[in-house]
Amino acid sequence: MLTAAPEPFRPFLEEVKPLLPLHWEELALDKEHVPLSPQYDEYLARDSKGMVMCVTLRDAGELVGYFVGFVAPGLHYSTCLTLHLDIFWVKPEKRNGTAGLKLFKAVEAEAKRRGVQRMFVGSKVHQDASRLFQALGYRPVETVYSVFWGNS
């Protein structure tokens, strides 16, 4: 049975490290130029300021999905506490009709508990999660573009 709940970031970080290469392999672009190399010290520094929100998805205790986001007042809107998605992922074999919904319902509950007023999430074009976000009642607000120049 899948369960989703907020968890402290520091212990989660050690548990998630073996899953990050799988997540990166599935979703990252420009892998041949940009290796997976998280700034764990920056995550921990932000966590020590209460800015990291972590929600896990578990199946009988096993970590099978996660959401990590940053909570802070908006840089343009200082009076609006905002949650920005950093990463989310669910193991492919656990992606059924309810896994993503369960994870994000727990994210929403934790965000509201923390006083978040607005949340921004994103969907990769090449691995589209728009259907999930539309099912949750979210609306598209921005399209992001990327280019890789390397060391030119």
N, C-alpha and C. Protein backbone atom coordinates (compact mmCIF):
# COMPACT_ATOMS: atom_id res chain seq x y z
N MET A 1 0.83 -1.18 0.00
CA MET A 1 0.00 0.00 0.00
C MET A 1 0.88 1.25 0.00
N LEU A 2 0.59 2.18 -0.89
CA LEU A 2 1.37 3.41 -0.99
C LEU A 2 0.92 4.42 0.06
N THR A 3 1.91 5.03 0.72
CA THR A 3 1.65 6.10 1.67
C THR A 3 2.54 7.27 1.32
N ALA A 4 2.03 8.47 1.52
CA ALA A 4 2.81 9.68 1.26
C ALA A 4 2.75 10.56 2.50
N ALA A 5 3.91 11.12 2.87
CA ALA A 5 3.96 11.95 4.08
C ALA A 5 5.21 12.82 4.05
N PRO A 6 5.14 13.98 4.71
CA PRO A 6 6.34 14.80 4.86
C PRO A 6 7.34 14.08 5.76
N GLU A 7 8.61 14.29 5.47
CA GLU A 7 9.68 13.70 6.28
C GLU A 7 10.80 14.71 6.42
N PRO A 8 11.61 14.59 7.48
CA PRO A 8 12.78 15.46 7.61
C PRO A 8 13.75 15.23 6.45
N PHE A 9 14.33 16.31 5.95
CA PHE A 9 15.17 16.21 4.76
C PHE A 9 16.48 15.46 5.00
N ARG A 10 17.16 15.74 6.10
CA ARG A 10 18.51 15.18 6.31
C ARG A 10 18.53 13.65 6.24
N PRO A 11 17.68 12.91 6.96
CA PRO A 11 17.72 11.45 6.82
C PRO A 11 17.26 10.99 5.43
N PHE A 12 16.29 11.70 4.85
CA PHE A 12 15.83 11.39 3.49
C PHE A 12 16.99 11.48 2.50
N LEU A 13 17.84 12.47 2.65
CA LEU A 13 18.93 12.69 1.70
C LEU A 13 19.81 11.45 1.56
N GLU A 14 20.15 10.83 2.65
CA GLU A 14 20.98 9.62 2.57
C GLU A 14 20.23 8.47 1.91
N GLU A 15 18.95 8.37 2.19
CA GLU A 15 18.15 7.28 1.63
C GLU A 15 17.90 7.45 0.13
N VAL A 16 17.78 8.69 -0.33
CA VAL A 16 17.44 8.93 -1.73
C VAL A 16 18.66 8.85 -2.66
N LYS A 17 19.84 8.97 -2.15
CA LYS A 17 21.03 9.01 -3.02
C LYS A 17 21.11 7.86 -4.03
N PRO A 18 20.76 6.62 -3.68
CA PRO A 18 20.80 5.55 -4.69
C PRO A 18 19.75 5.71 -5.80
N LEU A 19 18.66 6.44 -5.53
CA LEU A 19 17.61 6.63 -6.54
C LEU A 19 17.92 7.79 -7.49
N LEU A 20 18.73 8.73 -7.07
CA LEU A 20 18.97 9.91 -7.89
C LEU A 20 19.56 9.58 -9.27
N PRO A 21 20.48 8.63 -9.40
CA PRO A 21 20.96 8.30 -10.75
C PRO A 21 19.86 7.74 -11.66
N LEU A 22 18.91 7.00 -11.11
CA LEU A 22 17.79 6.50 -11.91
C LEU A 22 16.91 7.65 -12.37
N HIS A 23 16.64 8.57 -11.48
CA HIS A 23 15.85 9.76 -11.78
C HIS A 23 16.56 10.57 -12.87
N TRP A 24 17.85 10.81 -12.69
CA TRP A 24 18.66 11.58 -13.64
C TRP A 24 18.68 10.91 -15.01
N GLU A 25 18.87 9.61 -15.02
CA GLU A 25 18.95 8.87 -16.29
C GLU A 25 17.65 8.99 -17.08
N GLU A 26 16.54 8.97 -16.37
CA GLU A 26 15.24 9.06 -17.05
C GLU A 26 14.93 10.46 -17.54
N LEU A 27 15.26 11.48 -16.77
CA LEU A 27 14.74 12.82 -17.06
C LEU A 27 15.74 13.87 -17.50
N ALA A 28 17.00 13.71 -17.20
CA ALA A 28 17.97 14.77 -17.48
C ALA A 28 18.23 14.91 -18.97
N LEU A 29 18.44 16.13 -19.38
CA LEU A 29 18.88 16.43 -20.74
C LEU A 29 20.37 16.76 -20.73
N ASP A 30 21.02 16.64 -21.87
CA ASP A 30 22.44 16.97 -22.02
C ASP A 30 23.33 16.16 -21.08
N LYS A 31 22.91 14.91 -20.82
CA LYS A 31 23.66 14.05 -19.89
C LYS A 31 25.12 13.87 -20.27
N GLU A 32 25.39 13.88 -21.58
CA GLU A 32 26.76 13.67 -22.03
C GLU A 32 27.65 14.86 -21.67
N HIS A 33 27.05 15.99 -21.31
CA HIS A 33 27.81 17.19 -20.96
C HIS A 33 27.66 17.60 -19.50
N VAL A 34 26.54 17.21 -18.89
CA VAL A 34 26.23 17.69 -17.54
C VAL A 34 26.00 16.49 -16.63
N PRO A 35 27.03 16.10 -15.90
CA PRO A 35 26.89 14.93 -15.01
C PRO A 35 26.03 15.27 -13.79
N LEU A 36 25.44 14.25 -13.22
CA LEU A 36 24.70 14.41 -11.96
C LEU A 36 25.72 14.75 -10.87
N SER A 37 25.52 15.87 -10.23
CA SER A 37 26.44 16.32 -9.19
C SER A 37 25.72 17.28 -8.25
N PRO A 38 24.80 16.76 -7.42
CA PRO A 38 24.01 17.63 -6.55
C PRO A 38 24.88 18.39 -5.54
N GLN A 39 24.46 19.59 -5.23
CA GLN A 39 25.12 20.40 -4.21
C GLN A 39 24.48 20.09 -2.86
N TYR A 40 24.81 18.95 -2.31
CA TYR A 40 24.19 18.51 -1.07
C TYR A 40 24.37 19.53 0.05
N ASP A 41 25.53 20.19 0.09
CA ASP A 41 25.77 21.18 1.14
C ASP A 41 24.79 22.35 1.04
N GLU A 42 24.41 22.72 -0.18
CA GLU A 42 23.44 23.81 -0.36
C GLU A 42 22.05 23.37 0.09
N TYR A 43 21.68 22.14 -0.23
CA TYR A 43 20.39 21.62 0.25
C TYR A 43 20.35 21.63 1.78
N LEU A 44 21.43 21.17 2.40
CA LEU A 44 21.47 21.11 3.86
C LEU A 44 21.46 22.50 4.47
N ALA A 45 22.13 23.46 3.82
CA ALA A 45 22.13 24.84 4.32
C ALA A 45 20.71 25.42 4.25
N ARG A 46 20.03 25.18 3.13
CA ARG A 46 18.65 25.67 3.01
C ARG A 46 17.73 24.95 3.99
N ASP A 47 17.97 23.66 4.19
CA ASP A 47 17.16 22.91 5.14
C ASP A 47 17.33 23.47 6.54
N SER A 48 18.55 23.85 6.90
CA SER A 48 18.78 24.39 8.24
C SER A 48 18.04 25.71 8.46
N LYS A 49 17.65 26.38 7.37
CA LYS A 49 16.86 27.61 7.45
C LYS A 49 15.37 27.35 7.32
N GLY A 50 14.97 26.06 7.25
CA GLY A 50 13.56 25.71 7.15
C GLY A 50 12.99 25.91 5.76
N MET A 51 13.84 25.98 4.75
CA MET A 51 13.39 26.27 3.39
C MET A 51 13.12 25.03 2.54
N VAL A 52 13.52 23.85 2.99
CA VAL A 52 13.34 22.64 2.19
C VAL A 52 12.09 21.90 2.67
N MET A 53 11.28 21.49 1.71
CA MET A 53 10.11 20.67 2.02
C MET A 53 10.28 19.34 1.30
N CYS A 54 10.19 18.28 2.05
CA CYS A 54 10.39 16.93 1.52
C CYS A 54 9.16 16.09 1.85
N VAL A 55 8.60 15.46 0.82
CA VAL A 55 7.47 14.55 0.99
C VAL A 55 7.85 13.25 0.29
N THR A 56 7.68 12.15 0.97
CA THR A 56 8.04 10.85 0.40
C THR A 56 6.81 10.04 0.04
N LEU A 57 7.03 9.13 -0.90
CA LEU A 57 6.04 8.13 -1.27
C LEU A 57 6.67 6.78 -0.95
N ARG A 58 6.00 6.00 -0.13
CA ARG A 58 6.55 4.72 0.31
C ARG A 58 5.58 3.59 0.04
N ASP A 59 6.17 2.41 -0.20
CA ASP A 59 5.39 1.19 -0.35
C ASP A 59 5.94 0.21 0.68
N ALA A 60 5.16 -0.04 1.71
CA ALA A 60 5.58 -0.90 2.82
C ALA A 60 6.94 -0.46 3.37
N GLY A 61 7.13 0.85 3.50
CA GLY A 61 8.37 1.40 4.05
C GLY A 61 9.45 1.70 3.04
N GLU A 62 9.37 1.10 1.86
CA GLU A 62 10.39 1.32 0.83
C GLU A 62 10.14 2.65 0.13
N LEU A 63 11.19 3.46 -0.02
CA LEU A 63 11.09 4.73 -0.72
C LEU A 63 10.90 4.47 -2.21
N VAL A 64 9.74 4.90 -2.75
CA VAL A 64 9.44 4.66 -4.17
C VAL A 64 9.13 5.96 -4.92
N GLY A 65 9.15 7.07 -4.20
CA GLY A 65 8.91 8.36 -4.84
C GLY A 65 9.16 9.48 -3.86
N TYR A 66 9.28 10.69 -4.40
CA TYR A 66 9.58 11.83 -3.55
C TYR A 66 9.29 13.14 -4.25
N PHE A 67 9.13 14.16 -3.43
CA PHE A 67 9.01 15.55 -3.84
C PHE A 67 9.95 16.33 -2.96
N VAL A 68 10.75 17.20 -3.56
CA VAL A 68 11.58 18.14 -2.81
C VAL A 68 11.32 19.51 -3.40
N GLY A 69 11.03 20.45 -2.53
CA GLY A 69 10.79 21.82 -2.98
C GLY A 69 11.35 22.81 -1.99
N PHE A 70 11.37 24.07 -2.43
CA PHE A 70 11.91 25.16 -1.61
C PHE A 70 10.79 26.12 -1.24
N VAL A 71 10.71 26.43 0.05
CA VAL A 71 9.69 27.32 0.59
C VAL A 71 10.35 28.63 1.01
N ALA A 72 9.85 29.72 0.46
CA ALA A 72 10.37 31.05 0.81
C ALA A 72 9.41 32.10 0.27
N PRO A 73 9.46 33.29 0.83
CA PRO A 73 8.67 34.36 0.23
C PRO A 73 9.15 34.57 -1.22
N GLY A 74 8.22 34.92 -2.10
CA GLY A 74 8.58 35.16 -3.48
C GLY A 74 9.56 36.31 -3.62
N LEU A 75 10.54 36.17 -4.50
CA LEU A 75 11.51 37.25 -4.70
C LEU A 75 10.84 38.51 -5.24
N HIS A 76 9.79 38.36 -5.99
CA HIS A 76 9.07 39.52 -6.52
C HIS A 76 7.85 39.86 -5.66
N TYR A 77 7.47 38.92 -4.79
CA TYR A 77 6.24 39.07 -4.00
C TYR A 77 6.55 38.68 -2.56
N SER A 78 7.16 39.59 -1.83
CA SER A 78 7.66 39.27 -0.49
C SER A 78 6.58 38.87 0.49
N THR A 79 5.33 39.21 0.21
CA THR A 79 4.24 38.87 1.13
C THR A 79 3.59 37.54 0.81
N CYS A 80 4.11 36.83 -0.20
CA CYS A 80 3.50 35.57 -0.63
C CYS A 80 4.47 34.41 -0.40
N LEU A 81 4.19 33.59 0.61
CA LEU A 81 5.03 32.42 0.86
C LEU A 81 4.81 31.42 -0.27
N THR A 82 5.88 31.06 -0.92
CA THR A 82 5.81 30.29 -2.17
C THR A 82 6.62 29.01 -2.07
N LEU A 83 6.08 27.95 -2.63
CA LEU A 83 6.76 26.67 -2.74
C LEU A 83 7.13 26.45 -4.20
N HIS A 84 8.42 26.26 -4.46
CA HIS A 84 8.91 25.97 -5.81
C HIS A 84 9.41 24.53 -5.84
N LEU A 85 8.85 23.76 -6.75
CA LEU A 85 9.32 22.39 -6.96
C LEU A 85 10.79 22.41 -7.34
N ASP A 86 11.57 21.55 -6.72
CA ASP A 86 12.93 21.28 -7.16
C ASP A 86 12.91 20.01 -7.99
N ILE A 87 12.54 18.90 -7.36
CA ILE A 87 12.44 17.62 -8.06
C ILE A 87 11.28 16.80 -7.51
N PHE A 88 10.72 15.97 -8.38
CA PHE A 88 9.81 14.93 -7.93
C PHE A 88 10.00 13.74 -8.86
N TRP A 89 9.74 12.56 -8.32
CA TRP A 89 9.93 11.34 -9.10
C TRP A 89 9.21 10.21 -8.42
N VAL A 90 8.68 9.32 -9.22
CA VAL A 90 8.07 8.08 -8.74
C VAL A 90 8.68 6.96 -9.57
N LYS A 91 9.10 5.90 -8.91
CA LYS A 91 9.64 4.76 -9.65
C LYS A 91 8.66 4.34 -10.75
N PRO A 92 9.16 4.07 -11.95
CA PRO A 92 8.25 3.74 -13.07
C PRO A 92 7.27 2.62 -12.76
N GLU A 93 7.70 1.60 -12.04
CA GLU A 93 6.80 0.47 -11.76
C GLU A 93 5.72 0.82 -10.75
N LYS A 94 5.82 1.98 -10.11
CA LYS A 94 4.81 2.42 -9.14
C LYS A 94 3.86 3.47 -9.71
N ARG A 95 4.08 3.85 -10.95
CA ARG A 95 3.24 4.88 -11.57
C ARG A 95 1.92 4.25 -12.03
N ASN A 96 0.97 4.36 -11.18
CA ASN A 96 -0.36 3.87 -11.53
C ASN A 96 -1.34 5.02 -11.42
N GLY A 97 -2.59 4.75 -11.39
CA GLY A 97 -3.58 5.81 -11.36
C GLY A 97 -3.56 6.70 -10.15
N THR A 98 -2.93 6.28 -9.05
CA THR A 98 -3.03 7.07 -7.83
C THR A 98 -1.70 7.51 -7.23
N ALA A 99 -0.58 6.98 -7.67
CA ALA A 99 0.70 7.28 -7.02
C ALA A 99 1.02 8.77 -7.04
N GLY A 100 0.97 9.39 -8.21
CA GLY A 100 1.28 10.81 -8.30
C GLY A 100 0.28 11.67 -7.54
N LEU A 101 -1.01 11.31 -7.66
CA LEU A 101 -2.04 12.05 -6.92
C LEU A 101 -1.81 11.95 -5.42
N LYS A 102 -1.49 10.76 -4.96
CA LYS A 102 -1.26 10.56 -3.52
C LYS A 102 -0.08 11.41 -3.06
N LEU A 103 1.01 11.39 -3.84
CA LEU A 103 2.19 12.18 -3.48
C LEU A 103 1.84 13.67 -3.42
N PHE A 104 1.19 14.17 -4.45
CA PHE A 104 0.92 15.61 -4.49
C PHE A 104 -0.18 16.05 -3.53
N LYS A 105 -1.10 15.19 -3.18
CA LYS A 105 -2.07 15.54 -2.14
C LYS A 105 -1.34 15.73 -0.80
N ALA A 106 -0.35 14.89 -0.54
CA ALA A 106 0.44 15.04 0.68
C ALA A 106 1.30 16.31 0.61
N VAL A 107 1.83 16.62 -0.57
CA VAL A 107 2.59 17.86 -0.76
C VAL A 107 1.68 19.06 -0.46
N GLU A 108 0.49 19.06 -1.03
CA GLU A 108 -0.45 20.17 -0.81
C GLU A 108 -0.78 20.32 0.67
N ALA A 109 -1.05 19.22 1.35
CA ALA A 109 -1.40 19.28 2.77
C ALA A 109 -0.25 19.85 3.59
N GLU A 110 0.97 19.42 3.31
CA GLU A 110 2.13 19.93 4.05
C GLU A 110 2.37 21.39 3.72
N ALA A 111 2.23 21.76 2.46
CA ALA A 111 2.42 23.16 2.07
C ALA A 111 1.41 24.05 2.80
N LYS A 112 0.17 23.65 2.83
CA LYS A 112 -0.85 24.44 3.52
C LYS A 112 -0.57 24.50 5.02
N ARG A 113 -0.13 23.38 5.59
CA ARG A 113 0.21 23.36 7.02
C ARG A 113 1.32 24.37 7.32
N ARG A 114 2.24 24.52 6.37
CA ARG A 114 3.37 25.45 6.55
C ARG A 114 3.02 26.89 6.18
N GLY A 115 1.80 27.12 5.74
CA GLY A 115 1.38 28.48 5.41
C GLY A 115 1.71 28.93 4.00
N VAL A 116 2.08 27.98 3.15
CA VAL A 116 2.37 28.32 1.75
C VAL A 116 1.09 28.84 1.10
N GLN A 117 1.24 29.90 0.32
CA GLN A 117 0.10 30.51 -0.36
C GLN A 117 0.06 30.16 -1.85
N ARG A 118 1.22 29.92 -2.45
CA ARG A 118 1.30 29.63 -3.88
C ARG A 118 2.37 28.57 -4.11
N MET A 119 2.09 27.69 -5.07
CA MET A 119 3.06 26.64 -5.41
C MET A 119 3.27 26.65 -6.91
N PHE A 120 4.53 26.47 -7.30
CA PHE A 120 4.89 26.32 -8.70
C PHE A 120 5.51 24.94 -8.89
N VAL A 121 5.00 24.21 -9.88
CA VAL A 121 5.56 22.90 -10.24
C VAL A 121 5.83 22.93 -11.74
N GLY A 122 6.58 21.96 -12.22
CA GLY A 122 6.88 21.90 -13.64
C GLY A 122 6.79 20.48 -14.16
N SER A 123 6.66 20.41 -15.47
CA SER A 123 6.58 19.13 -16.15
C SER A 123 7.57 19.13 -17.30
N LYS A 124 8.35 18.09 -17.41
CA LYS A 124 9.28 17.96 -18.54
C LYS A 124 8.48 17.73 -19.81
N VAL A 125 8.85 18.38 -20.87
CA VAL A 125 8.16 18.20 -22.14
C VAL A 125 8.37 16.77 -22.65
N HIS A 126 9.59 16.25 -22.46
CA HIS A 126 9.92 14.92 -22.97
C HIS A 126 9.44 13.79 -22.04
N GLN A 127 8.93 14.13 -20.86
CA GLN A 127 8.35 13.15 -19.93
C GLN A 127 7.20 13.86 -19.23
N ASP A 128 6.16 14.11 -19.97
CA ASP A 128 5.10 15.03 -19.57
C ASP A 128 4.27 14.52 -18.40
N ALA A 129 4.15 15.36 -17.38
CA ALA A 129 3.31 15.06 -16.22
C ALA A 129 2.12 16.01 -16.15
N SER A 130 1.83 16.69 -17.26
CA SER A 130 0.75 17.67 -17.27
C SER A 130 -0.58 17.07 -16.85
N ARG A 131 -0.85 15.86 -17.26
CA ARG A 131 -2.12 15.22 -16.91
C ARG A 131 -2.31 15.15 -15.39
N LEU A 132 -1.24 14.82 -14.68
CA LEU A 132 -1.28 14.78 -13.22
C LEU A 132 -1.64 16.16 -12.66
N PHE A 133 -0.94 17.18 -13.12
CA PHE A 133 -1.17 18.51 -12.58
C PHE A 133 -2.56 19.05 -12.94
N GLN A 134 -3.03 18.73 -14.12
CA GLN A 134 -4.38 19.15 -14.51
C GLN A 134 -5.42 18.43 -13.65
N ALA A 135 -5.18 17.16 -13.34
CA ALA A 135 -6.10 16.41 -12.47
C ALA A 135 -6.17 17.03 -11.08
N LEU A 136 -5.08 17.66 -10.65
CA LEU A 136 -5.05 18.30 -9.35
C LEU A 136 -5.63 19.72 -9.39
N GLY A 137 -6.01 20.18 -10.58
CA GLY A 137 -6.59 21.51 -10.72
C GLY A 137 -5.59 22.62 -10.94
N TYR A 138 -4.34 22.29 -11.25
CA TYR A 138 -3.32 23.31 -11.50
C TYR A 138 -3.49 23.83 -12.92
N ARG A 139 -3.00 25.03 -13.16
CA ARG A 139 -3.08 25.60 -14.49
C ARG A 139 -1.69 25.94 -15.01
N PRO A 140 -1.47 25.79 -16.29
CA PRO A 140 -0.16 26.15 -16.85
C PRO A 140 0.03 27.66 -16.80
N VAL A 141 1.24 28.11 -16.43
CA VAL A 141 1.50 29.54 -16.31
C VAL A 141 2.75 30.01 -17.05
N GLU A 142 3.61 29.09 -17.46
CA GLU A 142 4.85 29.52 -18.08
C GLU A 142 5.44 28.36 -18.87
N THR A 143 6.11 28.67 -19.94
CA THR A 143 6.87 27.68 -20.69
C THR A 143 8.35 28.04 -20.55
N VAL A 144 9.18 27.09 -20.20
CA VAL A 144 10.60 27.33 -19.98
C VAL A 144 11.37 26.70 -21.14
N TYR A 145 12.36 27.42 -21.63
CA TYR A 145 13.21 26.94 -22.72
C TYR A 145 14.62 26.78 -22.21
N SER A 146 15.41 25.93 -22.88
CA SER A 146 16.78 25.66 -22.47
C SER A 146 17.70 25.60 -23.69
N VAL A 147 18.93 25.98 -23.49
CA VAL A 147 19.98 25.80 -24.49
C VAL A 147 21.26 25.45 -23.74
N PHE A 148 22.06 24.58 -24.30
CA PHE A 148 23.34 24.21 -23.68
C PHE A 148 24.48 24.71 -24.54
N TRP A 149 25.33 25.55 -23.99
CA TRP A 149 26.48 26.08 -24.72
C TRP A 149 27.78 25.42 -24.31
N GLY A 150 27.79 24.72 -23.22
CA GLY A 150 29.04 24.14 -22.74
C GLY A 150 30.01 25.21 -22.30
N ASN A 151 31.25 25.00 -22.58
CA ASN A 151 32.30 25.94 -22.16
C ASN A 151 32.69 26.88 -23.28
N SER A 152 31.77 27.26 -24.13
CA SER A 152 32.11 28.14 -25.26
C SER A 152 32.32 29.57 -24.85
